[in-house]
Structures are given as structure tokens and as C-alpha cells.
Amino acid sequence: MDTVLCDAQTMLLDAANNNASYLWHNGSTQPQFVVNLPGTFYVAVNINGCYAFDTIAIAYNYKPVFSWGLTSLFVTATVYCLILV
């Protein structure tokens, strides 16, 4: 695993080069790709017939889910009545 993100985080993969064309794992041809799910992502960058390739594996750590259970708060109060004469 190359990178581990926390739940709901995104990561911008930027392969931008002047005068380049791009081909990402999903067929996108943009210079950047936003990751919002776990997986392996790759890009091929072409400048005048010269290619470069890169791959990154991204995992996610999800927030733990837990419960403290039902909580109760008991308050005992004493009431005083004052009678004015």
C-alpha cells in the first residue's frame, strides 16, 4: 500500500506536464484525478511519443463505530418551602 487515507478524505493525483496527453486507469484523459475510493490507480503520460507510467495503491481507514450505550443522569433535589408570616 502506498497511501492510506482516513474516511471521507480525497487525494488529488496530478500528472500535469506541458504539451502532454494522459490516459488514466478509468479512461480519463485529464491531467488530474481525484481519488475518493480505495484502489490502484495508474496513469500514462505521453509527450511526443515518449511515455512515462506510474501507479499508486490507496487504502482507506474507516472511522470506528461504537456506542457508550444508554446513559442516565439521576439528580436528587430537596425542595424547601418558606412561609413568611
N, C-alpha and C. Protein backbone atom coordinates (compact mmCIF):
# COMPACT_ATOMS: atom_id res chain seq x y z
N MET A 1 0.85 -1.16 0.00
CA MET A 1 0.00 0.00 0.00
C MET A 1 0.90 1.23 0.00
N ASP A 2 0.62 2.14 -0.90
CA ASP A 2 1.42 3.36 -0.99
C ASP A 2 0.92 4.45 -0.05
N THR A 3 -0.41 4.58 0.05
CA THR A 3 -1.00 5.66 0.84
C THR A 3 -2.26 5.15 1.52
N VAL A 4 -2.47 5.60 2.77
CA VAL A 4 -3.70 5.27 3.49
C VAL A 4 -4.36 6.59 3.87
N LEU A 5 -5.63 6.74 3.47
CA LEU A 5 -6.40 7.94 3.79
C LEU A 5 -7.43 7.62 4.84
N CYS A 6 -7.87 8.65 5.54
CA CYS A 6 -8.95 8.49 6.50
C CYS A 6 -10.29 8.62 5.79
N ASP A 7 -11.30 8.04 6.41
CA ASP A 7 -12.66 8.06 5.89
C ASP A 7 -13.03 9.47 5.40
N ALA A 8 -13.58 9.55 4.21
CA ALA A 8 -14.09 10.79 3.59
C ALA A 8 -12.99 11.71 3.07
N GLN A 9 -11.72 11.37 3.21
CA GLN A 9 -10.66 12.18 2.62
C GLN A 9 -10.57 11.90 1.12
N THR A 10 -10.07 12.87 0.39
CA THR A 10 -9.78 12.68 -1.02
C THR A 10 -8.31 12.97 -1.25
N MET A 11 -7.81 12.54 -2.39
CA MET A 11 -6.41 12.80 -2.75
C MET A 11 -6.37 13.18 -4.22
N LEU A 12 -5.68 14.26 -4.53
CA LEU A 12 -5.53 14.71 -5.90
C LEU A 12 -4.26 14.12 -6.49
N LEU A 13 -4.42 13.34 -7.56
CA LEU A 13 -3.27 12.82 -8.29
C LEU A 13 -3.05 13.75 -9.47
N ASP A 14 -1.86 14.32 -9.57
CA ASP A 14 -1.58 15.35 -10.58
C ASP A 14 -0.39 14.92 -11.42
N ALA A 15 -0.64 14.63 -12.70
CA ALA A 15 0.41 14.19 -13.62
C ALA A 15 0.76 15.28 -14.63
N ALA A 16 0.33 16.50 -14.38
CA ALA A 16 0.44 17.60 -15.35
C ALA A 16 1.87 17.83 -15.84
N ASN A 17 2.00 17.90 -17.16
CA ASN A 17 3.24 18.25 -17.86
C ASN A 17 2.84 19.11 -19.07
N ASN A 18 3.71 20.03 -19.43
CA ASN A 18 3.44 20.85 -20.61
C ASN A 18 3.39 20.00 -21.87
N ASN A 19 2.41 20.25 -22.73
CA ASN A 19 2.26 19.58 -24.03
C ASN A 19 2.12 18.06 -23.92
N ALA A 20 1.53 17.58 -22.85
CA ALA A 20 1.40 16.14 -22.64
C ALA A 20 -0.04 15.69 -22.86
N SER A 21 -0.20 14.40 -23.12
CA SER A 21 -1.52 13.77 -23.12
C SER A 21 -1.50 12.70 -22.03
N TYR A 22 -2.70 12.36 -21.55
CA TYR A 22 -2.81 11.49 -20.37
C TYR A 22 -3.82 10.39 -20.63
N LEU A 23 -3.59 9.26 -20.01
CA LEU A 23 -4.57 8.19 -20.01
C LEU A 23 -4.54 7.53 -18.63
N TRP A 24 -5.64 7.73 -17.89
CA TRP A 24 -5.77 7.17 -16.55
C TRP A 24 -6.41 5.79 -16.62
N HIS A 25 -6.38 5.08 -15.51
CA HIS A 25 -6.91 3.73 -15.36
C HIS A 25 -8.37 3.62 -15.79
N ASN A 26 -9.14 4.69 -15.66
CA ASN A 26 -10.57 4.66 -15.97
C ASN A 26 -10.89 5.26 -17.35
N GLY A 27 -9.86 5.56 -18.13
CA GLY A 27 -10.07 6.13 -19.46
C GLY A 27 -10.06 7.64 -19.51
N SER A 28 -9.98 8.30 -18.36
CA SER A 28 -9.93 9.75 -18.32
C SER A 28 -8.66 10.25 -19.01
N THR A 29 -8.77 11.40 -19.65
CA THR A 29 -7.61 11.98 -20.35
C THR A 29 -7.24 13.33 -19.76
N GLN A 30 -7.68 13.60 -18.54
CA GLN A 30 -7.36 14.85 -17.86
C GLN A 30 -6.01 14.74 -17.16
N PRO A 31 -5.33 15.86 -16.89
CA PRO A 31 -4.03 15.78 -16.21
C PRO A 31 -4.12 15.43 -14.72
N GLN A 32 -5.33 15.57 -14.13
CA GLN A 32 -5.50 15.29 -12.71
C GLN A 32 -6.64 14.30 -12.50
N PHE A 33 -6.55 13.58 -11.37
CA PHE A 33 -7.59 12.62 -11.00
C PHE A 33 -7.81 12.71 -9.49
N VAL A 34 -9.06 12.79 -9.06
CA VAL A 34 -9.38 12.84 -7.63
C VAL A 34 -9.77 11.46 -7.15
N VAL A 35 -9.06 10.98 -6.13
CA VAL A 35 -9.33 9.67 -5.53
C VAL A 35 -10.27 9.86 -4.35
N ASN A 36 -11.38 9.09 -4.34
CA ASN A 36 -12.29 9.12 -3.20
C ASN A 36 -12.75 7.72 -2.79
N LEU A 37 -12.10 6.71 -3.37
CA LEU A 37 -12.36 5.31 -3.03
C LEU A 37 -11.04 4.55 -3.00
N PRO A 38 -10.95 3.45 -2.26
CA PRO A 38 -9.72 2.67 -2.27
C PRO A 38 -9.51 2.00 -3.63
N GLY A 39 -8.26 1.75 -3.96
CA GLY A 39 -7.97 1.05 -5.20
C GLY A 39 -6.56 1.31 -5.68
N THR A 40 -6.25 0.79 -6.86
CA THR A 40 -4.96 1.02 -7.51
C THR A 40 -5.22 1.89 -8.73
N PHE A 41 -4.49 2.98 -8.82
CA PHE A 41 -4.70 3.98 -9.85
C PHE A 41 -3.42 4.13 -10.67
N TYR A 42 -3.57 4.22 -11.99
CA TYR A 42 -2.39 4.39 -12.82
C TYR A 42 -2.67 5.40 -13.92
N VAL A 43 -1.56 5.98 -14.40
CA VAL A 43 -1.64 6.97 -15.47
C VAL A 43 -0.47 6.75 -16.43
N ALA A 44 -0.75 6.98 -17.70
CA ALA A 44 0.29 7.00 -18.73
C ALA A 44 0.34 8.43 -19.25
N VAL A 45 1.54 8.99 -19.29
CA VAL A 45 1.73 10.36 -19.77
C VAL A 45 2.58 10.29 -21.04
N ASN A 46 2.11 10.96 -22.09
CA ASN A 46 2.78 10.93 -23.39
C ASN A 46 3.17 12.35 -23.80
N ILE A 47 4.44 12.53 -24.08
CA ILE A 47 4.93 13.79 -24.66
C ILE A 47 5.71 13.43 -25.91
N ASN A 48 5.13 13.75 -27.07
CA ASN A 48 5.77 13.50 -28.37
C ASN A 48 6.26 12.06 -28.53
N GLY A 49 5.45 11.09 -28.10
CA GLY A 49 5.79 9.69 -28.28
C GLY A 49 6.66 9.10 -27.18
N CYS A 50 7.05 9.89 -26.22
CA CYS A 50 7.81 9.39 -25.07
C CYS A 50 6.83 9.22 -23.91
N TYR A 51 6.75 7.99 -23.39
CA TYR A 51 5.77 7.67 -22.37
C TYR A 51 6.41 7.49 -21.00
N ALA A 52 5.67 7.91 -20.00
CA ALA A 52 6.01 7.62 -18.60
C ALA A 52 4.76 7.05 -17.95
N PHE A 53 4.94 6.12 -17.02
CA PHE A 53 3.82 5.43 -16.36
C PHE A 53 4.04 5.49 -14.85
N ASP A 54 2.95 5.56 -14.12
CA ASP A 54 3.05 5.47 -12.66
C ASP A 54 1.77 4.86 -12.11
N THR A 55 1.92 4.22 -10.96
CA THR A 55 0.82 3.54 -10.28
C THR A 55 0.88 3.88 -8.81
N ILE A 56 -0.29 4.01 -8.18
CA ILE A 56 -0.36 4.22 -6.74
C ILE A 56 -1.52 3.39 -6.19
N ALA A 57 -1.28 2.74 -5.06
CA ALA A 57 -2.31 1.95 -4.37
C ALA A 57 -2.75 2.74 -3.14
N ILE A 58 -4.05 2.97 -3.04
CA ILE A 58 -4.59 3.77 -1.94
C ILE A 58 -5.63 2.95 -1.18
N ALA A 59 -5.47 2.96 0.15
CA ALA A 59 -6.43 2.28 1.03
C ALA A 59 -7.08 3.34 1.92
N TYR A 60 -8.17 2.96 2.52
CA TYR A 60 -8.88 3.84 3.44
C TYR A 60 -9.00 3.18 4.81
N ASN A 61 -8.78 3.97 5.86
CA ASN A 61 -9.10 3.57 7.22
C ASN A 61 -10.41 4.23 7.57
N TYR A 62 -11.39 3.44 7.92
CA TYR A 62 -12.70 4.00 8.23
C TYR A 62 -12.83 4.26 9.71
N LYS A 63 -13.60 5.30 10.06
CA LYS A 63 -13.79 5.67 11.45
C LYS A 63 -14.42 4.52 12.22
N PRO A 64 -13.98 4.29 13.44
CA PRO A 64 -14.62 3.25 14.24
C PRO A 64 -16.03 3.67 14.63
N VAL A 65 -16.89 2.69 14.73
CA VAL A 65 -18.27 2.94 15.14
C VAL A 65 -18.46 2.26 16.49
N PHE A 66 -18.94 3.01 17.46
CA PHE A 66 -19.16 2.44 18.78
C PHE A 66 -20.28 3.20 19.48
N SER A 67 -20.70 2.66 20.59
CA SER A 67 -21.76 3.29 21.37
C SER A 67 -21.42 3.17 22.85
N TRP A 68 -21.68 4.21 23.56
CA TRP A 68 -21.50 4.17 25.01
C TRP A 68 -22.69 3.50 25.67
N GLY A 69 -23.70 3.20 24.90
CA GLY A 69 -24.92 2.62 25.46
C GLY A 69 -25.79 3.73 26.03
N LEU A 70 -26.87 3.33 26.65
CA LEU A 70 -27.74 4.33 27.26
C LEU A 70 -27.09 4.86 28.52
N THR A 71 -27.11 6.15 28.67
CA THR A 71 -26.57 6.75 29.89
C THR A 71 -27.70 7.46 30.59
N SER A 72 -27.67 7.42 31.87
CA SER A 72 -28.71 8.07 32.67
C SER A 72 -28.05 8.98 33.68
N LEU A 73 -28.71 10.07 33.93
CA LEU A 73 -28.23 11.00 34.93
C LEU A 73 -29.36 11.21 35.93
N PHE A 74 -29.11 10.85 37.15
CA PHE A 74 -30.13 11.00 38.19
C PHE A 74 -29.72 12.15 39.09
N VAL A 75 -30.67 13.06 39.29
CA VAL A 75 -30.42 14.20 40.16
C VAL A 75 -31.43 14.15 41.30
N THR A 76 -30.92 14.25 42.49
CA THR A 76 -31.79 14.29 43.65
C THR A 76 -31.85 15.72 44.14
N ALA A 77 -33.06 16.20 44.37
CA ALA A 77 -33.22 17.59 44.81
C ALA A 77 -34.09 17.62 46.05
N THR A 78 -33.80 18.55 46.89
CA THR A 78 -34.62 18.79 48.07
C THR A 78 -35.33 20.12 47.89
N VAL A 79 -36.63 20.11 48.11
CA VAL A 79 -37.42 21.34 47.93
C VAL A 79 -37.77 21.88 49.31
N TYR A 80 -37.50 23.13 49.51
CA TYR A 80 -37.84 23.81 50.77
C TYR A 80 -38.93 24.82 50.50
N CYS A 81 -39.91 24.87 51.35
CA CYS A 81 -40.96 25.88 51.24
C CYS A 81 -40.79 26.85 52.40
N LEU A 82 -40.72 28.09 52.08
CA LEU A 82 -40.61 29.12 53.11
C LEU A 82 -41.97 29.80 53.25
N ILE A 83 -42.41 29.88 54.47
CA ILE A 83 -43.69 30.54 54.73
C ILE A 83 -43.37 31.82 55.48
N LEU A 84 -43.73 32.92 54.90
CA LEU A 84 -43.49 34.21 55.55
C LEU A 84 -44.72 34.59 56.37
N VAL A 85 -44.48 34.97 57.61
CA VAL A 85 -45.58 35.40 58.48
C VAL A 85 -45.38 36.80 58.95
